[in-house]
Amino acid sequence: MLAAVLRGCRIFQMKTSLRFIAAILFLFAVAPSSRSAQPAPGTQLDGVIAAISATSITVKAQNGTKVFAIYPGTVFGQRAAKKISDFTVGEKVRVVYSSVGGQMKAENIRNPDDDKKPGQKKEKAAAKQ
């Protein structure tokens, strides 16, 4: 009888341990990442739109011209506030991209001034006047 009680305790301890481990794994899985939302180095490009279509955007930057594929998941503007038709040739842009199979995919296309805080935009506009 004592052996049955001890076995029961061991099973209870094992179940409790497994629940604890599962809870810890769950917390790590759903906890927000402490990393910044900034793209990895070298995965964004600032430049001027040289050409744009429904499937690609060509950006001329200081270090050369690059072509990015536009796909259904591409976000235009901050928080998807714009459409592809809001961008025109000659406009300054920042393209956040990923490289998949040798092709550069535009993840986000936006005006680099959109990244500035509201006070910075006003100061810049006042300095031009």
C-alpha atoms as a PDB file:
ATOM      1  CA  MET A   1       0.000   0.000   0.000  1.00  0.00           C
ATOM      2  CA  LEU A   2       2.837   2.345   0.787  1.00  0.00           C
ATOM      3  CA  ALA A   3       4.279   1.692  -2.679  1.00  0.00           C
ATOM      4  CA  ALA A   4       0.955   2.694  -4.282  1.00  0.00           C
ATOM      5  CA  VAL A   5       0.867   5.943  -2.275  1.00  0.00           C
ATOM      6  CA  LEU A   6       4.452   6.781  -3.237  1.00  0.00           C
ATOM      7  CA  ARG A   7       3.737   6.023  -6.909  1.00  0.00           C
ATOM      8  CA  GLY A   8       0.680   8.282  -6.684  1.00  0.00           C
ATOM      9  CA  CYS A   9       2.813  11.079  -5.218  1.00  0.00           C
ATOM     10  CA  ARG A  10       5.402  10.700  -7.970  1.00  0.00           C
ATOM     11  CA  ILE A  11       2.719  10.848 -10.653  1.00  0.00           C
ATOM     12  CA  PHE A  12       1.227  13.922  -8.964  1.00  0.00           C
ATOM     13  CA  GLN A  13       4.657  15.582  -8.815  1.00  0.00           C
ATOM     14  CA  MET A  14       5.314  14.736 -12.469  1.00  0.00           C
ATOM     15  CA  LYS A  15       1.951  16.170 -13.566  1.00  0.00           C
ATOM     16  CA  THR A  16       2.582  19.301 -11.516  1.00  0.00           C
ATOM     17  CA  SER A  17       6.053  19.684 -13.033  1.00  0.00           C
ATOM     18  CA  LEU A  18       4.701  19.247 -16.545  1.00  0.00           C
ATOM     19  CA  ARG A  19       2.003  21.858 -15.905  1.00  0.00           C
ATOM     20  CA  PHE A  20       4.617  24.267 -14.585  1.00  0.00           C
ATOM     21  CA  ILE A  21       6.853  23.751 -17.629  1.00  0.00           C
ATOM     22  CA  ALA A  22       3.881  24.167 -19.980  1.00  0.00           C
ATOM     23  CA  ALA A  23       2.899  27.415 -18.226  1.00  0.00           C
ATOM     24  CA  ILE A  24       6.427  28.817 -18.530  1.00  0.00           C
ATOM     25  CA  LEU A  25       6.620  27.896 -22.219  1.00  0.00           C
ATOM     26  CA  PHE A  26       3.239  29.532 -22.813  1.00  0.00           C
ATOM     27  CA  LEU A  27       4.401  32.753 -21.137  1.00  0.00           C
ATOM     28  CA  PHE A  28       7.522  32.902 -23.305  1.00  0.00           C
ATOM     29  CA  ALA A  29       5.442  32.273 -26.415  1.00  0.00           C
ATOM     30  CA  VAL A  30       2.945  35.080 -25.785  1.00  0.00           C
ATOM     31  CA  ALA A  31       5.179  37.609 -24.027  1.00  0.00           C
ATOM     32  CA  PRO A  32       5.933  40.684 -26.128  1.00  0.00           C
ATOM     33  CA  SER A  33       9.408  40.820 -27.495  1.00  0.00           C
ATOM     34  CA  SER A  34      11.699  43.346 -25.863  1.00  0.00           C
ATOM     35  CA  ARG A  35      13.428  43.973 -29.170  1.00  0.00           C
ATOM     36  CA  SER A  36      12.802  47.219 -30.975  1.00  0.00           C
ATOM     37  CA  ALA A  37      10.361  47.353 -33.863  1.00  0.00           C
ATOM     38  CA  GLN A  38      13.126  48.758 -36.036  1.00  0.00           C
ATOM     39  CA  PRO A  39      14.127  46.728 -39.087  1.00  0.00           C
ATOM     40  CA  ALA A  40      17.371  44.788 -39.089  1.00  0.00           C
ATOM     41  CA  PRO A  41      20.402  46.741 -40.319  1.00  0.00           C
ATOM     42  CA  GLY A  42      20.623  46.873 -44.096  1.00  0.00           C
ATOM     43  CA  THR A  43      16.958  46.064 -44.655  1.00  0.00           C
ATOM     44  CA  GLN A  44      15.743  49.551 -45.365  1.00  0.00           C
ATOM     45  CA  LEU A  45      16.611  51.975 -48.107  1.00  0.00           C
ATOM     46  CA  ASP A  46      15.966  55.691 -48.423  1.00  0.00           C
ATOM     47  CA  GLY A  47      15.850  57.196 -51.871  1.00  0.00           C
ATOM     48  CA  VAL A  48      13.711  58.660 -54.634  1.00  0.00           C
ATOM     49  CA  ILE A  49      11.145  56.731 -56.661  1.00  0.00           C
ATOM     50  CA  ALA A  50      12.501  56.207 -60.168  1.00  0.00           C
ATOM     51  CA  ALA A  51       9.597  54.001 -61.333  1.00  0.00           C
ATOM     52  CA  ILE A  52       6.531  52.454 -59.755  1.00  0.00           C
ATOM     53  CA  SER A  53       3.927  49.944 -60.902  1.00  0.00           C
ATOM     54  CA  ALA A  54       1.417  47.582 -59.322  1.00  0.00           C
ATOM     55  CA  THR A  55       4.106  44.886 -59.030  1.00  0.00           C
ATOM     56  CA  SER A  56       7.376  46.733 -58.332  1.00  0.00           C
ATOM     57  CA  ILE A  57       9.018  49.942 -57.195  1.00  0.00           C
ATOM     58  CA  THR A  58      12.430  51.156 -58.359  1.00  0.00           C
ATOM     59  CA  VAL A  59      14.260  53.383 -55.887  1.00  0.00           C
ATOM     60  CA  LYS A  60      17.337  55.449 -56.697  1.00  0.00           C
ATOM     61  CA  ALA A  61      19.541  55.852 -53.620  1.00  0.00           C
ATOM     62  CA  GLN A  62      23.013  57.218 -52.959  1.00  0.00           C
ATOM     63  CA  ASN A  63      24.523  53.746 -53.333  1.00  0.00           C
ATOM     64  CA  GLY A  64      22.673  52.791 -56.524  1.00  0.00           C
ATOM     65  CA  THR A  65      19.278  51.860 -57.868  1.00  0.00           C
ATOM     66  CA  LYS A  66      17.316  48.914 -56.484  1.00  0.00           C
ATOM     67  CA  VAL A  67      14.088  47.221 -57.562  1.00  0.00           C
ATOM     68  CA  PHE A  68      11.671  45.865 -54.969  1.00  0.00           C
ATOM     69  CA  ALA A  69       8.748  43.525 -55.611  1.00  0.00           C
ATOM     70  CA  ILE A  70       5.365  44.702 -54.367  1.00  0.00           C
ATOM     71  CA  TYR A  71       3.214  41.856 -53.098  1.00  0.00           C
ATOM     72  CA  PRO A  72      -0.236  41.680 -51.449  1.00  0.00           C
ATOM     73  CA  GLY A  73       1.307  42.041 -47.976  1.00  0.00           C
ATOM     74  CA  THR A  74       3.166  45.273 -48.761  1.00  0.00           C
ATOM     75  CA  VAL A  75       2.116  48.065 -46.405  1.00  0.00           C
ATOM     76  CA  PHE A  76       1.956  51.608 -47.784  1.00  0.00           C
ATOM     77  CA  GLY A  77       2.584  54.468 -45.353  1.00  0.00           C
ATOM     78  CA  GLN A  78       2.668  54.390 -41.585  1.00  0.00           C
ATOM     79  CA  ARG A  79       0.090  51.883 -40.291  1.00  0.00           C
ATOM     80  CA  ALA A  80      -1.236  51.263 -43.834  1.00  0.00           C
ATOM     81  CA  ALA A  81      -2.500  54.837 -44.069  1.00  0.00           C
ATOM     82  CA  LYS A  82      -1.733  55.138 -47.802  1.00  0.00           C
ATOM     83  CA  LYS A  83      -2.266  53.317 -51.086  1.00  0.00           C
ATOM     84  CA  ILE A  84       0.186  52.627 -53.892  1.00  0.00           C
ATOM     85  CA  SER A  85      -1.503  55.359 -55.940  1.00  0.00           C
ATOM     86  CA  ASP A  86      -0.443  57.914 -53.294  1.00  0.00           C
ATOM     87  CA  PHE A  87       3.205  57.520 -54.363  1.00  0.00           C
ATOM     88  CA  THR A  88       4.652  59.183 -57.479  1.00  0.00           C
ATOM     89  CA  VAL A  89       7.924  59.193 -59.401  1.00  0.00           C
ATOM     90  CA  GLY A  90      10.381  61.686 -57.881  1.00  0.00           C
ATOM     91  CA  GLU A  91       8.987  61.367 -54.351  1.00  0.00           C
ATOM     92  CA  LYS A  92      11.292  60.558 -51.412  1.00  0.00           C
ATOM     93  CA  VAL A  93      10.584  57.141 -49.900  1.00  0.00           C
ATOM     94  CA  ARG A  94      11.847  54.712 -47.303  1.00  0.00           C
ATOM     95  CA  VAL A  95      11.474  51.057 -48.273  1.00  0.00           C
ATOM     96  CA  VAL A  96      11.690  48.411 -45.569  1.00  0.00           C
ATOM     97  CA  TYR A  97      12.350  45.127 -47.328  1.00  0.00           C
ATOM     98  CA  SER A  98      13.172  41.475 -46.951  1.00  0.00           C
ATOM     99  CA  SER A  99      15.286  39.356 -49.231  1.00  0.00           C
ATOM    100  CA  VAL A 100      13.719  36.036 -50.208  1.00  0.00           C
ATOM    101  CA  GLY A 101      15.354  33.752 -52.740  1.00  0.00           C
ATOM    102  CA  GLY A 102      17.461  36.587 -54.114  1.00  0.00           C
ATOM    103  CA  GLN A 103      14.404  38.816 -54.680  1.00  0.00           C
ATOM    104  CA  MET A 104      13.893  41.936 -52.574  1.00  0.00           C
ATOM    105  CA  LYS A 105      10.295  42.214 -51.346  1.00  0.00           C
ATOM    106  CA  ALA A 106       8.969  45.590 -50.191  1.00  0.00           C
ATOM    107  CA  GLU A 107       7.422  45.074 -46.757  1.00  0.00           C
ATOM    108  CA  ASN A 108       6.673  48.763 -46.136  1.00  0.00           C
ATOM    109  CA  ILE A 109       6.890  51.815 -48.378  1.00  0.00           C
ATOM    110  CA  ARG A 110       6.545  55.217 -46.739  1.00  0.00           C
ATOM    111  CA  ASN A 111       7.723  58.799 -46.748  1.00  0.00           C
ATOM    112  CA  PRO A 112      10.829  59.055 -44.506  1.00  0.00           C
ATOM    113  CA  ASP A 113       9.409  62.250 -42.974  1.00  0.00           C
ATOM    114  CA  ASP A 114       6.531  60.157 -41.552  1.00  0.00           C
ATOM    115  CA  ASP A 115       9.034  58.635 -39.101  1.00  0.00           C
ATOM    116  CA  LYS A 116       9.745  62.019 -37.524  1.00  0.00           C
ATOM    117  CA  LYS A 117       7.895  63.160 -34.450  1.00  0.00           C
ATOM    118  CA  PRO A 118       5.205  65.826 -35.073  1.00  0.00           C
ATOM    119  CA  GLY A 119       7.332  68.581 -33.492  1.00  0.00           C
ATOM    120  CA  GLN A 120      10.280  67.784 -35.783  1.00  0.00           C
ATOM    121  CA  LYS A 121       8.127  68.182 -38.918  1.00  0.00           C
ATOM    122  CA  LYS A 122       6.896  71.606 -37.807  1.00  0.00           C
ATOM    123  CA  GLU A 123      10.423  72.794 -36.951  1.00  0.00           C
ATOM    124  CA  LYS A 124      11.677  71.712 -40.361  1.00  0.00           C
ATOM    125  CA  ALA A 125       8.809  73.479 -42.140  1.00  0.00           C
ATOM    126  CA  ALA A 126       9.411  76.659 -40.101  1.00  0.00           C
ATOM    127  CA  ALA A 127      13.136  76.594 -40.912  1.00  0.00           C
ATOM    128  CA  LYS A 128      12.360  76.577 -44.651  1.00  0.00           C
ATOM    129  CA  GLN A 129      10.314  79.797 -44.347  1.00  0.00           C
END
